C-alpha atoms as a PDB file:
ATOM      1  CA  UNK A   1      17.706  71.303  21.875  1.00  0.00           C
ATOM      2  CA  UNK A   2      15.178  69.612  23.974  1.00  0.00           C
ATOM      3  CA  UNK A   3      12.516  69.550  21.224  1.00  0.00           C
ATOM      4  CA  UNK A   4      15.056  67.877  18.865  1.00  0.00           C
ATOM      5  CA  UNK A   5      15.767  65.253  21.528  1.00  0.00           C
ATOM      6  CA  UNK A   6      12.105  64.396  21.855  1.00  0.00           C
ATOM      7  CA  UNK A   7      11.644  64.026  18.088  1.00  0.00           C
ATOM      8  CA  UNK A   8      14.535  61.856  18.052  1.00  0.00           C
ATOM      9  CA  UNK A   9      13.293  59.461  20.721  1.00  0.00           C
ATOM     10  CA  UNK A  10       9.881  59.527  19.149  1.00  0.00           C
ATOM     11  CA  UNK A  11      11.361  58.494  15.834  1.00  0.00           C
ATOM     12  CA  UNK A  12      13.371  55.749  17.548  1.00  0.00           C
ATOM     13  CA  UNK A  13      10.182  54.294  19.204  1.00  0.00           C
ATOM     14  CA  UNK A  14       8.280  54.446  15.937  1.00  0.00           C
ATOM     15  CA  UNK A  15      10.926  52.700  14.314  1.00  0.00           C
ATOM     16  CA  UNK A  16      11.299  50.081  16.911  1.00  0.00           C
ATOM     17  CA  UNK A  17       7.459  49.562  16.701  1.00  0.00           C
ATOM     18  CA  UNK A  18       7.641  49.062  12.883  1.00  0.00           C
ATOM     19  CA  UNK A  19      10.614  46.720  13.170  1.00  0.00           C
ATOM     20  CA  UNK A  20       8.781  44.592  15.824  1.00  0.00           C
ATOM     21  CA  UNK A  21       5.696  44.480  13.817  1.00  0.00           C
ATOM     22  CA  UNK A  22       7.776  43.354  10.713  1.00  0.00           C
ATOM     23  CA  UNK A  23       9.383  40.608  12.680  1.00  0.00           C
ATOM     24  CA  UNK A  24       6.256  39.076  13.991  1.00  0.00           C
ATOM     25  CA  UNK A  25       4.770  39.272  10.472  1.00  0.00           C
ATOM     26  CA  UNK A  26       7.776  37.587   8.986  1.00  0.00           C
ATOM     27  CA  UNK A  27       7.929  34.998  11.681  1.00  0.00           C
ATOM     28  CA  UNK A  28       4.099  34.299  11.188  1.00  0.00           C
ATOM     29  CA  UNK A  29       4.579  34.050   7.420  1.00  0.00           C
ATOM     30  CA  UNK A  30       7.710  31.778   7.770  1.00  0.00           C
ATOM     31  CA  UNK A  31       5.912  29.468  10.365  1.00  0.00           C
ATOM     32  CA  UNK A  32       3.188  29.200   7.915  1.00  0.00           C
ATOM     33  CA  UNK A  33       5.357  28.096   4.763  1.00  0.00           C
ATOM     34  CA  UNK A  34       8.269  26.324   6.645  1.00  0.00           C
ATOM     35  CA  UNK A  35       5.927  23.429   7.476  1.00  0.00           C
ATOM     36  CA  UNK A  36       6.868  20.688   5.011  1.00  0.00           C
ATOM     37  CA  UNK A  37       4.242  18.720   3.263  1.00  0.00           C
ATOM     38  CA  UNK A  38       2.858  15.931   5.443  1.00  0.00           C
ATOM     39  CA  UNK A  39       3.110  12.286   4.844  1.00  0.00           C
ATOM     40  CA  UNK A  40       1.424   9.101   6.207  1.00  0.00           C
ATOM     41  CA  UNK A  41       2.716   5.662   5.856  1.00  0.00           C
ATOM     42  CA  UNK A  42      -0.459   4.422   3.923  1.00  0.00           C
ATOM     43  CA  UNK A  43      -3.566   6.171   2.502  1.00  0.00           C
ATOM     44  CA  UNK A  44      -5.841   3.986   4.552  1.00  0.00           C
ATOM     45  CA  UNK A  45      -4.707   5.921   7.747  1.00  0.00           C
ATOM     46  CA  UNK A  46      -5.929   9.261   6.697  1.00  0.00           C
ATOM     47  CA  UNK A  47      -9.063   7.772   5.199  1.00  0.00           C
ATOM     48  CA  UNK A  48     -10.003   6.257   8.519  1.00  0.00           C
ATOM     49  CA  UNK A  49      -9.158   9.633  10.391  1.00  0.00           C
ATOM     50  CA  UNK A  50     -11.476  11.398   7.850  1.00  0.00           C
ATOM     51  CA  UNK A  51     -14.417   9.021   8.177  1.00  0.00           C
ATOM     52  CA  UNK A  52     -14.139   9.147  12.146  1.00  0.00           C
ATOM     53  CA  UNK A  53     -14.044  13.151  11.988  1.00  0.00           C
ATOM     54  CA  UNK A  54     -17.047  13.129   9.750  1.00  0.00           C
ATOM     55  CA  UNK A  55     -18.985  11.688  12.488  1.00  0.00           C
ATOM     56  CA  UNK A  56     -17.656  14.124  15.166  1.00  0.00           C
ATOM     57  CA  UNK A  57     -14.626  16.286  15.259  1.00  0.00           C
ATOM     58  CA  UNK A  58     -13.261  16.347  18.926  1.00  0.00           C
ATOM     59  CA  UNK A  59     -12.395  19.694  20.291  1.00  0.00           C
ATOM     60  CA  UNK A  60      -8.810  18.427  20.937  1.00  0.00           C
ATOM     61  CA  UNK A  61      -7.186  16.320  18.363  1.00  0.00           C
ATOM     62  CA  UNK A  62      -4.070  14.937  19.821  1.00  0.00           C
ATOM     63  CA  UNK A  63      -2.504  11.339  20.201  1.00  0.00           C
ATOM     64  CA  UNK A  64      -4.451  10.635  23.449  1.00  0.00           C
ATOM     65  CA  UNK A  65      -7.866  11.312  21.510  1.00  0.00           C
ATOM     66  CA  UNK A  66      -6.726   9.296  18.415  1.00  0.00           C
ATOM     67  CA  UNK A  67      -5.808   6.281  20.745  1.00  0.00           C
ATOM     68  CA  UNK A  68      -9.160   6.513  22.488  1.00  0.00           C
ATOM     69  CA  UNK A  69     -10.804   6.440  19.128  1.00  0.00           C
ATOM     70  CA  UNK A  70      -8.588   3.649  17.900  1.00  0.00           C
ATOM     71  CA  UNK A  71      -7.725   5.882  14.673  1.00  0.00           C
ATOM     72  CA  UNK A  72      -4.077   5.296  13.217  1.00  0.00           C
ATOM     73  CA  UNK A  73      -2.654   3.135  15.872  1.00  0.00           C
ATOM     74  CA  UNK A  74       1.087   3.978  16.279  1.00  0.00           C
ATOM     75  CA  UNK A  75       0.712   6.623  13.517  1.00  0.00           C
ATOM     76  CA  UNK A  76      -0.997   9.307  15.485  1.00  0.00           C
ATOM     77  CA  UNK A  77       1.503  11.863  14.728  1.00  0.00           C
ATOM     78  CA  UNK A  78       1.290  11.582  10.959  1.00  0.00           C
ATOM     79  CA  UNK A  79      -2.418  12.148  11.071  1.00  0.00           C
ATOM     80  CA  UNK A  80      -2.156  15.200  13.280  1.00  0.00           C
ATOM     81  CA  UNK A  81       0.570  16.812  11.250  1.00  0.00           C
ATOM     82  CA  UNK A  82      -1.661  16.279   8.044  1.00  0.00           C
ATOM     83  CA  UNK A  83      -4.495  17.913   9.729  1.00  0.00           C
ATOM     84  CA  UNK A  84      -2.361  20.725  11.070  1.00  0.00           C
ATOM     85  CA  UNK A  85      -1.082  21.298   7.492  1.00  0.00           C
ATOM     86  CA  UNK A  86      -4.668  21.331   6.175  1.00  0.00           C
ATOM     87  CA  UNK A  87      -5.480  23.987   8.807  1.00  0.00           C
ATOM     88  CA  UNK A  88      -8.149  21.694  10.457  1.00  0.00           C
ATOM     89  CA  UNK A  89      -6.259  21.636  13.704  1.00  0.00           C
ATOM     90  CA  UNK A  90      -4.008  24.436  15.081  1.00  0.00           C
ATOM     91  CA  UNK A  91      -0.613  24.299  16.796  1.00  0.00           C
ATOM     92  CA  UNK A  92      -2.253  23.569  19.954  1.00  0.00           C
ATOM     93  CA  UNK A  93      -4.004  20.450  18.513  1.00  0.00           C
ATOM     94  CA  UNK A  94      -7.390  22.306  18.878  1.00  0.00           C
ATOM     95  CA  UNK A  95     -10.044  22.101  16.244  1.00  0.00           C
ATOM     96  CA  UNK A  96     -10.309  25.238  14.038  1.00  0.00           C
ATOM     97  CA  UNK A  97     -13.275  26.649  12.584  1.00  0.00           C
ATOM     98  CA  UNK A  98     -12.276  25.244   8.992  1.00  0.00           C
ATOM     99  CA  UNK A  99     -12.065  21.900  10.364  1.00  0.00           C
ATOM    100  CA  UNK A 100     -15.347  22.199  12.064  1.00  0.00           C
ATOM    101  CA  UNK A 101     -16.858  23.692   8.655  1.00  0.00           C
ATOM    102  CA  UNK A 102     -15.359  20.817   6.716  1.00  0.00           C
ATOM    103  CA  UNK A 103     -16.255  17.863   8.764  1.00  0.00           C
ATOM    104  CA  UNK A 104     -19.585  19.271   9.319  1.00  0.00           C
ATOM    105  CA  UNK A 105     -20.197  19.059   5.451  1.00  0.00           C
ATOM    106  CA  UNK A 106     -22.643  16.307   4.567  1.00  0.00           C
ATOM    107  CA  UNK A 107     -22.929  13.626   1.774  1.00  0.00           C
ATOM    108  CA  UNK A 108     -21.780  14.587  -1.619  1.00  0.00           C
ATOM    109  CA  UNK A 109     -20.822  18.196  -0.568  1.00  0.00           C
ATOM    110  CA  UNK A 110     -17.998  16.814   1.428  1.00  0.00           C
ATOM    111  CA  UNK A 111     -15.594  15.933  -1.613  1.00  0.00           C
ATOM    112  CA  UNK A 112     -15.843  19.515  -3.146  1.00  0.00           C
ATOM    113  CA  UNK A 113     -15.284  21.136   0.328  1.00  0.00           C
ATOM    114  CA  UNK A 114     -12.049  19.026   0.848  1.00  0.00           C
ATOM    115  CA  UNK A 115     -10.952  19.787  -2.823  1.00  0.00           C
ATOM    116  CA  UNK A 116     -10.973  23.426  -1.928  1.00  0.00           C
ATOM    117  CA  UNK A 117      -8.962  22.845   1.157  1.00  0.00           C
ATOM    118  CA  UNK A 118      -6.406  20.726  -0.538  1.00  0.00           C
ATOM    119  CA  UNK A 119      -6.073  23.164  -3.585  1.00  0.00           C
ATOM    120  CA  UNK A 120      -5.454  25.862  -1.231  1.00  0.00           C
ATOM    121  CA  UNK A 121      -2.769  24.132   0.999  1.00  0.00           C
ATOM    122  CA  UNK A 122      -1.021  22.674  -1.957  1.00  0.00           C
ATOM    123  CA  UNK A 123      -1.168  26.040  -3.900  1.00  0.00           C
ATOM    124  CA  UNK A 124       2.606  25.726  -4.841  1.00  0.00           C
ATOM    125  CA  UNK A 125       1.886  22.347  -6.861  1.00  0.00           C
ATOM    126  CA  UNK A 126      -1.387  23.713  -8.517  1.00  0.00           C
ATOM    127  CA  UNK A 127       0.609  26.934  -9.394  1.00  0.00           C
ATOM    128  CA  UNK A 128       3.144  25.092 -10.962  1.00  0.00           C
ATOM    129  CA  UNK A 129       1.192  22.205 -12.692  1.00  0.00           C
ATOM    130  CA  UNK A 130      -2.447  23.448 -12.546  1.00  0.00           C
ATOM    131  CA  UNK A 131      -5.446  20.956 -12.571  1.00  0.00           C
ATOM    132  CA  UNK A 132      -3.350  18.352 -13.936  1.00  0.00           C
ATOM    133  CA  UNK A 133      -1.857  18.188 -10.427  1.00  0.00           C
ATOM    134  CA  UNK A 134      -4.843  15.981  -9.307  1.00  0.00           C
ATOM    135  CA  UNK A 135      -3.749  13.255 -11.640  1.00  0.00           C
ATOM    136  CA  UNK A 136       0.150  13.431 -11.723  1.00  0.00           C
ATOM    137  CA  UNK A 137       1.684   9.978 -11.627  1.00  0.00           C
ATOM    138  CA  UNK A 138       3.702   8.877  -8.501  1.00  0.00           C
ATOM    139  CA  UNK A 139       7.022   9.719  -9.975  1.00  0.00           C
ATOM    140  CA  UNK A 140       6.198  13.354 -10.794  1.00  0.00           C
ATOM    141  CA  UNK A 141       4.666  13.960  -7.348  1.00  0.00           C
ATOM    142  CA  UNK A 142       7.662  12.469  -5.637  1.00  0.00           C
ATOM    143  CA  UNK A 143      10.037  14.816  -7.642  1.00  0.00           C
ATOM    144  CA  UNK A 144       8.056  17.806  -6.767  1.00  0.00           C
ATOM    145  CA  UNK A 145       7.982  16.954  -2.850  1.00  0.00           C
ATOM    146  CA  UNK A 146      11.470  15.939  -2.747  1.00  0.00           C
ATOM    147  CA  UNK A 147      12.711  19.023  -4.762  1.00  0.00           C
ATOM    148  CA  UNK A 148      10.480  21.338  -2.575  1.00  0.00           C
ATOM    149  CA  UNK A 149      11.116  19.810   1.016  1.00  0.00           C
ATOM    150  CA  UNK A 150      14.724  18.335   0.163  1.00  0.00           C
ATOM    151  CA  UNK A 151      13.366  14.925   1.579  1.00  0.00           C
ATOM    152  CA  UNK A 152      14.442  11.398   1.110  1.00  0.00           C
ATOM    153  CA  UNK A 153      12.925   9.051  -1.453  1.00  0.00           C
ATOM    154  CA  UNK A 154      11.031   7.124   1.285  1.00  0.00           C
ATOM    155  CA  UNK A 155       9.658  10.538   2.655  1.00  0.00           C
ATOM    156  CA  UNK A 156       8.879  11.858  -0.811  1.00  0.00           C
ATOM    157  CA  UNK A 157       7.048   8.690  -1.794  1.00  0.00           C
ATOM    158  CA  UNK A 158       4.757   9.128   1.435  1.00  0.00           C
ATOM    159  CA  UNK A 159       4.159  12.736   0.600  1.00  0.00           C
ATOM    160  CA  UNK A 160       3.181  11.815  -2.716  1.00  0.00           C
ATOM    161  CA  UNK A 161       0.736   9.012  -1.272  1.00  0.00           C
ATOM    162  CA  UNK A 162      -0.664  11.507   0.971  1.00  0.00           C
ATOM    163  CA  UNK A 163      -1.458  13.809  -1.616  1.00  0.00           C
ATOM    164  CA  UNK A 164      -3.099  11.090  -3.800  1.00  0.00           C
ATOM    165  CA  UNK A 165      -5.234   9.844  -0.879  1.00  0.00           C
ATOM    166  CA  UNK A 166      -6.422  13.287  -0.220  1.00  0.00           C
ATOM    167  CA  UNK A 167      -7.123  13.946  -4.005  1.00  0.00           C
ATOM    168  CA  UNK A 168      -9.149  10.517  -4.097  1.00  0.00           C
ATOM    169  CA  UNK A 169     -11.119  11.723  -1.039  1.00  0.00           C
ATOM    170  CA  UNK A 170     -11.680  15.053  -3.017  1.00  0.00           C
ATOM    171  CA  UNK A 171     -13.226  13.075  -5.778  1.00  0.00           C
ATOM    172  CA  UNK A 172     -10.514  14.329  -8.210  1.00  0.00           C
ATOM    173  CA  UNK A 173      -8.683  10.947  -8.666  1.00  0.00           C
ATOM    174  CA  UNK A 174      -9.504   7.216  -8.429  1.00  0.00           C
ATOM    175  CA  UNK A 175      -8.542   5.416  -5.470  1.00  0.00           C
ATOM    176  CA  UNK A 176      -4.952   4.089  -5.394  1.00  0.00           C
ATOM    177  CA  UNK A 177      -4.634   0.763  -7.298  1.00  0.00           C
ATOM    178  CA  UNK A 178      -4.200  -2.306  -5.038  1.00  0.00           C
ATOM    179  CA  UNK A 179      -0.814  -4.138  -5.008  1.00  0.00           C
ATOM    180  CA  UNK A 180      -0.876  -6.833  -7.407  1.00  0.00           C
ATOM    181  CA  UNK A 181      -1.387 -10.339  -5.579  1.00  0.00           C
ATOM    182  CA  UNK A 182       1.946 -12.231  -5.208  1.00  0.00           C
ATOM    183  CA  UNK A 183       1.983 -14.958  -7.746  1.00  0.00           C
ATOM    184  CA  UNK A 184       2.959 -18.489  -6.737  1.00  0.00           C
ATOM    185  CA  UNK A 185       6.134 -19.577  -8.357  1.00  0.00           C
ATOM    186  CA  UNK A 186       5.527 -23.148  -7.786  1.00  0.00           C
ATOM    187  CA  UNK A 187       4.548 -25.212 -10.566  1.00  0.00           C
ATOM    188  CA  UNK A 188       1.188 -26.449 -10.733  1.00  0.00           C
ATOM    189  CA  UNK A 189       0.463 -30.202 -10.719  1.00  0.00           C
ATOM    190  CA  UNK A 190      -2.451 -31.238 -12.847  1.00  0.00           C
ATOM    191  CA  UNK A 191      -4.092 -34.647 -12.679  1.00  0.00           C
ATOM    192  CA  UNK A 192      -4.875 -36.032 -16.224  1.00  0.00           C
ATOM    193  CA  UNK A 193      -7.090 -38.691 -16.831  1.00  0.00           C
ATOM    194  CA  UNK A 194      -5.251 -41.541 -18.654  1.00  0.00           C
ATOM    195  CA  UNK A 195      -7.258 -43.844 -21.157  1.00  0.00           C
ATOM    196  CA  UNK A 196      -4.513 -46.219 -21.850  1.00  0.00           C
ATOM    197  CA  UNK A 197      -4.728 -49.521 -20.164  1.00  0.00           C
ATOM    198  CA  UNK A 198      -2.089 -52.220 -19.087  1.00  0.00           C
ATOM    199  CA  UNK A 199      -1.196 -54.731 -21.719  1.00  0.00           C
ATOM    200  CA  UNK A 200      -2.716 -58.266 -20.826  1.00  0.00           C
ATOM    201  CA  UNK A 201       0.502 -60.129 -21.434  1.00  0.00           C
ATOM    202  CA  UNK A 202       3.868 -59.085 -20.748  1.00  0.00           C
ATOM    203  CA  UNK A 203       7.322 -60.761 -21.809  1.00  0.00           C
ATOM    204  CA  UNK A 204       9.630 -61.756 -19.123  1.00  0.00           C
ATOM    205  CA  UNK A 205      12.565 -62.161 -21.491  1.00  0.00           C
ATOM    206  CA  UNK A 206      15.737 -60.557 -20.012  1.00  0.00           C
ATOM    207  CA  UNK A 207      16.291 -59.180 -23.725  1.00  0.00           C
ATOM    208  CA  UNK A 208      13.970 -56.458 -22.968  1.00  0.00           C
ATOM    209  CA  UNK A 209      14.968 -52.910 -22.245  1.00  0.00           C
ATOM    210  CA  UNK A 210      16.957 -52.746 -18.867  1.00  0.00           C
ATOM    211  CA  UNK A 211      14.758 -49.941 -17.759  1.00  0.00           C
ATOM    212  CA  UNK A 212      11.215 -51.056 -17.648  1.00  0.00           C
ATOM    213  CA  UNK A 213       8.144 -48.637 -16.791  1.00  0.00           C
ATOM    214  CA  UNK A 214       4.874 -50.079 -15.640  1.00  0.00           C
ATOM    215  CA  UNK A 215       1.574 -47.965 -15.535  1.00  0.00           C
ATOM    216  CA  UNK A 216      -1.299 -48.716 -13.548  1.00  0.00           C
ATOM    217  CA  UNK A 217      -4.481 -46.570 -13.626  1.00  0.00           C
ATOM    218  CA  UNK A 218      -6.848 -46.234 -10.547  1.00  0.00           C
ATOM    219  CA  UNK A 219     -10.036 -44.534 -11.525  1.00  0.00           C
ATOM    220  CA  UNK A 220     -13.034 -43.599  -9.141  1.00  0.00           C
ATOM    221  CA  UNK A 221     -16.006 -41.416 -10.778  1.00  0.00           C
ATOM    222  CA  UNK A 222     -14.369 -38.639 -13.259  1.00  0.00           C
ATOM    223  CA  UNK A 223     -10.906 -38.670 -11.530  1.00  0.00           C
ATOM    224  CA  UNK A 224      -8.087 -40.819 -12.647  1.00  0.00           C
ATOM    225  CA  UNK A 225      -4.681 -41.532 -11.163  1.00  0.00           C
ATOM    226  CA  UNK A 226      -1.766 -42.919 -13.229  1.00  0.00           C
ATOM    227  CA  UNK A 227       1.110 -44.619 -11.103  1.00  0.00           C
ATOM    228  CA  UNK A 228       4.379 -44.805 -12.874  1.00  0.00           C
ATOM    229  CA  UNK A 229       6.908 -47.432 -11.598  1.00  0.00           C
ATOM    230  CA  UNK A 230      10.310 -47.669 -13.092  1.00  0.00           C
ATOM    231  CA  UNK A 231      12.215 -50.980 -12.383  1.00  0.00           C
ATOM    232  CA  UNK A 232      15.868 -51.447 -13.154  1.00  0.00           C
ATOM    233  CA  UNK A 233      16.306 -55.011 -14.172  1.00  0.00           C
ATOM    234  CA  UNK A 234      19.897 -56.717 -13.410  1.00  0.00           C
ATOM    235  CA  UNK A 235      21.658 -57.266 -16.687  1.00  0.00           C
ATOM    236  CA  UNK A 236      23.221 -60.438 -15.321  1.00  0.00           C
ATOM    237  CA  UNK A 237      20.015 -61.885 -13.858  1.00  0.00           C
ATOM    238  CA  UNK A 238      18.781 -65.498 -14.484  1.00  0.00           C
ATOM    239  CA  UNK A 239      15.389 -66.395 -15.841  1.00  0.00           C
ATOM    240  CA  UNK A 240      14.241 -67.156 -12.378  1.00  0.00           C
ATOM    241  CA  UNK A 241      15.122 -63.749 -11.110  1.00  0.00           C
ATOM    242  CA  UNK A 242      13.133 -62.134 -13.697  1.00  0.00           C
ATOM    243  CA  UNK A 243      10.218 -64.545 -13.273  1.00  0.00           C
ATOM    244  CA  UNK A 244      10.136 -63.780  -9.464  1.00  0.00           C
ATOM    245  CA  UNK A 245      10.262 -59.846 -10.117  1.00  0.00           C
ATOM    246  CA  UNK A 246       7.307 -60.021 -12.430  1.00  0.00           C
ATOM    247  CA  UNK A 247       5.495 -62.461 -10.346  1.00  0.00           C
ATOM    248  CA  UNK A 248       5.845 -60.164  -7.317  1.00  0.00           C
ATOM    249  CA  UNK A 249       4.667 -57.099  -9.191  1.00  0.00           C
ATOM    250  CA  UNK A 250       1.603 -58.927 -10.670  1.00  0.00           C
ATOM    251  CA  UNK A 251       0.657 -60.202  -7.094  1.00  0.00           C
ATOM    252  CA  UNK A 252       1.291 -56.817  -5.154  1.00  0.00           C
ATOM    253  CA  UNK A 253       0.657 -54.166  -7.567  1.00  0.00           C
ATOM    254  CA  UNK A 254      -1.569 -55.255 -10.452  1.00  0.00           C
ATOM    255  CA  UNK A 255      -4.407 -56.635  -8.434  1.00  0.00           C
ATOM    256  CA  UNK A 256      -7.565 -55.656 -10.104  1.00  0.00           C
ATOM    257  CA  UNK A 257      -9.374 -55.250  -6.752  1.00  0.00           C
ATOM    258  CA  UNK A 258      -7.166 -52.066  -6.074  1.00  0.00           C
END
């Protein structure tokens, strides 16, 4: 009876230890896989951080450190989450051996080293798409990240942008194309050189078209300016009225010394 009871207690203890161990393993595994894919507002932010850490990786990479370095102002959290996802910083924001090894890689060897890290951490994407993952278009990447993490369109787009930035730094993809410059919708005004000259004589007869147009060319060097003046002649004006109008124009607008 006593032996049986001892055996029963030992069995319960062993079972408890097994279940505890499994629980810890499950939590650890879930903790590694539950972290969503990281995202940054722009690829330049992660590029700036990588360039800085290639010079020296601080032992502690937290918001205070990034602020002192002037890296990713107001976006420190995005950078830290990306580094954690890549396994370069641990949950306590301390640098990892993998982080030290990566950022200690010099010159042309850095891109292949980063490629290996990205391929490992984005293993689900590469398992699904293979090596074509590096060159997937924006919509395909957004679709993958949104379906995987159940994120919004904005977050999915930023997750895709982050992957593209990492792929570019890994030497597996061309840098993101710059936004096309905004075209000016205002019409252009071109100055055209006019070769026409004013007629030497003008008729002052009131029977001319009611709307008359005068042109005067002012030239200086290779640039010519044409001035067009529209005059509405009164239909019931007298000959004296027309004479005075053209006389005033001749004296004030058609002087050759202008």
